[in-house]
Amino acid sequence: MAKYGKKAQEKVKETMKEYKKGELESGSRGKKAKSRKQAVAIGLSKARKEGAKVPSK
């Protein structure tokens, strides 16, 4: 059984691509994400905002 919904998985996939290109920003200041864990957390947060099936923090 999947822990996250399909929409959430897609969002994390998108953010990981941005992270690998060096384009992923963390927070509103526009600083670059420094780690893979941070990139995954940003992806899950974006998915939560869109209403995807993601467990709470």
N, C-alpha and C. Protein backbone atom coordinates (compact mmCIF):
# COMPACT_ATOMS: atom_id res chain seq x y z
N MET A 1 0.84 -1.19 0.00
CA MET A 1 0.00 0.00 0.00
C MET A 1 0.89 1.25 0.00
N ALA A 2 0.57 2.18 -0.88
CA ALA A 2 1.37 3.39 -1.01
C ALA A 2 1.11 4.34 0.15
N LYS A 3 2.18 4.96 0.62
CA LYS A 3 2.07 5.90 1.73
C LYS A 3 1.54 7.24 1.24
N TYR A 4 1.92 7.61 0.02
CA TYR A 4 1.50 8.88 -0.57
C TYR A 4 0.66 8.64 -1.81
N GLY A 5 -0.21 9.59 -2.12
CA GLY A 5 -1.04 9.49 -3.31
C GLY A 5 -0.23 9.74 -4.57
N LYS A 6 -0.81 9.42 -5.71
CA LYS A 6 -0.13 9.57 -7.00
C LYS A 6 0.22 11.03 -7.29
N LYS A 7 -0.69 11.93 -6.94
CA LYS A 7 -0.46 13.36 -7.17
C LYS A 7 0.75 13.84 -6.37
N ALA A 8 0.86 13.35 -5.13
CA ALA A 8 1.99 13.73 -4.27
C ALA A 8 3.30 13.19 -4.84
N GLN A 9 3.27 11.98 -5.35
CA GLN A 9 4.47 11.38 -5.94
C GLN A 9 4.94 12.18 -7.15
N GLU A 10 3.99 12.62 -7.96
CA GLU A 10 4.33 13.43 -9.14
C GLU A 10 4.95 14.76 -8.72
N LYS A 11 4.41 15.37 -7.67
CA LYS A 11 4.91 16.66 -7.20
C LYS A 11 6.35 16.52 -6.70
N VAL A 12 6.62 15.45 -5.96
CA VAL A 12 7.97 15.21 -5.45
C VAL A 12 8.93 14.97 -6.63
N LYS A 13 8.45 14.24 -7.62
CA LYS A 13 9.27 13.98 -8.81
C LYS A 13 9.65 15.28 -9.51
N GLU A 14 8.68 16.19 -9.65
CA GLU A 14 8.93 17.49 -10.27
C GLU A 14 9.96 18.30 -9.48
N THR A 15 9.80 18.32 -8.16
CA THR A 15 10.72 19.12 -7.33
C THR A 15 12.12 18.52 -7.34
N MET A 16 12.23 17.20 -7.42
CA MET A 16 13.55 16.57 -7.49
C MET A 16 14.26 16.95 -8.80
N LYS A 17 13.50 17.05 -9.87
CA LYS A 17 14.09 17.47 -11.15
C LYS A 17 14.62 18.90 -11.04
N GLU A 18 13.83 19.77 -10.40
CA GLU A 18 14.25 21.16 -10.19
C GLU A 18 15.51 21.20 -9.32
N TYR A 19 15.55 20.37 -8.28
CA TYR A 19 16.69 20.32 -7.37
C TYR A 19 17.96 19.90 -8.13
N LYS A 20 17.84 18.88 -8.96
CA LYS A 20 18.99 18.38 -9.71
C LYS A 20 19.53 19.42 -10.70
N LYS A 21 18.63 20.25 -11.24
CA LYS A 21 19.04 21.31 -12.15
C LYS A 21 19.60 22.52 -11.40
N GLY A 22 19.36 22.56 -10.08
CA GLY A 22 19.82 23.68 -9.27
C GLY A 22 18.87 24.85 -9.29
N GLU A 23 17.60 24.60 -9.62
CA GLU A 23 16.61 25.67 -9.73
C GLU A 23 15.63 25.72 -8.56
N LEU A 24 15.70 24.74 -7.66
CA LEU A 24 14.72 24.64 -6.57
C LEU A 24 15.04 25.64 -5.47
N GLU A 25 14.06 26.47 -5.15
CA GLU A 25 14.22 27.47 -4.10
C GLU A 25 13.46 27.04 -2.85
N SER A 26 14.07 27.28 -1.69
CA SER A 26 13.40 26.95 -0.44
C SER A 26 12.97 28.24 0.24
N GLY A 27 11.70 28.31 0.58
CA GLY A 27 11.20 29.50 1.27
C GLY A 27 10.95 30.66 0.34
N SER A 28 10.52 31.76 0.92
CA SER A 28 10.14 32.92 0.12
C SER A 28 11.32 33.81 -0.22
N ARG A 29 12.45 33.63 0.44
CA ARG A 29 13.62 34.47 0.16
C ARG A 29 14.31 34.10 -1.14
N GLY A 30 14.08 32.87 -1.61
CA GLY A 30 14.66 32.46 -2.88
C GLY A 30 16.01 31.78 -2.75
N LYS A 31 16.36 31.31 -1.55
CA LYS A 31 17.62 30.57 -1.40
C LYS A 31 17.46 29.19 -2.00
N LYS A 32 18.55 28.64 -2.50
CA LYS A 32 18.52 27.33 -3.13
C LYS A 32 18.42 26.22 -2.08
N ALA A 33 17.71 25.16 -2.44
CA ALA A 33 17.60 24.00 -1.55
C ALA A 33 18.97 23.32 -1.50
N LYS A 34 19.38 22.90 -0.29
CA LYS A 34 20.74 22.38 -0.11
C LYS A 34 20.84 20.86 -0.10
N SER A 35 19.75 20.16 0.20
CA SER A 35 19.85 18.71 0.30
C SER A 35 18.66 18.02 -0.37
N ARG A 36 18.83 16.71 -0.60
CA ARG A 36 17.76 15.93 -1.20
C ARG A 36 16.56 15.84 -0.25
N LYS A 37 16.84 15.71 1.05
CA LYS A 37 15.76 15.64 2.05
C LYS A 37 14.92 16.92 2.00
N GLN A 38 15.60 18.05 1.88
CA GLN A 38 14.91 19.34 1.83
C GLN A 38 14.05 19.41 0.57
N ALA A 39 14.56 18.89 -0.54
CA ALA A 39 13.81 18.89 -1.80
C ALA A 39 12.54 18.04 -1.69
N VAL A 40 12.64 16.88 -1.06
CA VAL A 40 11.48 16.01 -0.88
C VAL A 40 10.45 16.69 0.01
N ALA A 41 10.92 17.34 1.08
CA ALA A 41 10.01 18.04 2.00
C ALA A 41 9.27 19.16 1.29
N ILE A 42 9.97 19.88 0.42
CA ILE A 42 9.34 20.97 -0.35
C ILE A 42 8.27 20.39 -1.28
N GLY A 43 8.58 19.27 -1.93
CA GLY A 43 7.63 18.61 -2.82
C GLY A 43 6.38 18.16 -2.10
N LEU A 44 6.54 17.57 -0.92
CA LEU A 44 5.39 17.11 -0.13
C LEU A 44 4.56 18.30 0.35
N SER A 45 5.23 19.37 0.71
CA SER A 45 4.53 20.58 1.15
C SER A 45 3.67 21.16 0.03
N LYS A 46 4.25 21.21 -1.18
CA LYS A 46 3.50 21.70 -2.35
C LYS A 46 2.29 20.81 -2.64
N ALA A 47 2.49 19.50 -2.51
CA ALA A 47 1.40 18.54 -2.74
C ALA A 47 0.29 18.74 -1.72
N ARG A 48 0.68 18.98 -0.46
CA ARG A 48 -0.31 19.23 0.61
C ARG A 48 -1.17 20.43 0.28
N LYS A 49 -0.52 21.49 -0.21
CA LYS A 49 -1.24 22.72 -0.56
C LYS A 49 -2.24 22.49 -1.68
N GLU A 50 -1.93 21.55 -2.58
CA GLU A 50 -2.82 21.24 -3.70
C GLU A 50 -3.91 20.24 -3.31
N GLY A 51 -3.84 19.72 -2.08
CA GLY A 51 -4.87 18.81 -1.62
C GLY A 51 -4.62 17.35 -1.92
N ALA A 52 -3.37 16.97 -2.15
CA ALA A 52 -3.05 15.58 -2.42
C ALA A 52 -3.06 14.75 -1.14
N LYS A 53 -3.10 13.43 -1.30
CA LYS A 53 -3.11 12.52 -0.14
C LYS A 53 -1.69 12.41 0.41
N VAL A 54 -1.43 13.17 1.47
CA VAL A 54 -0.12 13.17 2.13
C VAL A 54 -0.36 13.19 3.62
N PRO A 55 0.32 12.30 4.38
CA PRO A 55 0.16 12.33 5.82
C PRO A 55 0.61 13.67 6.41
N SER A 56 0.09 14.05 7.55
CA SER A 56 0.48 15.31 8.17
C SER A 56 1.93 15.25 8.61
N LYS A 57 2.51 16.40 8.88
CA LYS A 57 3.94 16.51 9.23
C LYS A 57 4.30 15.73 10.46
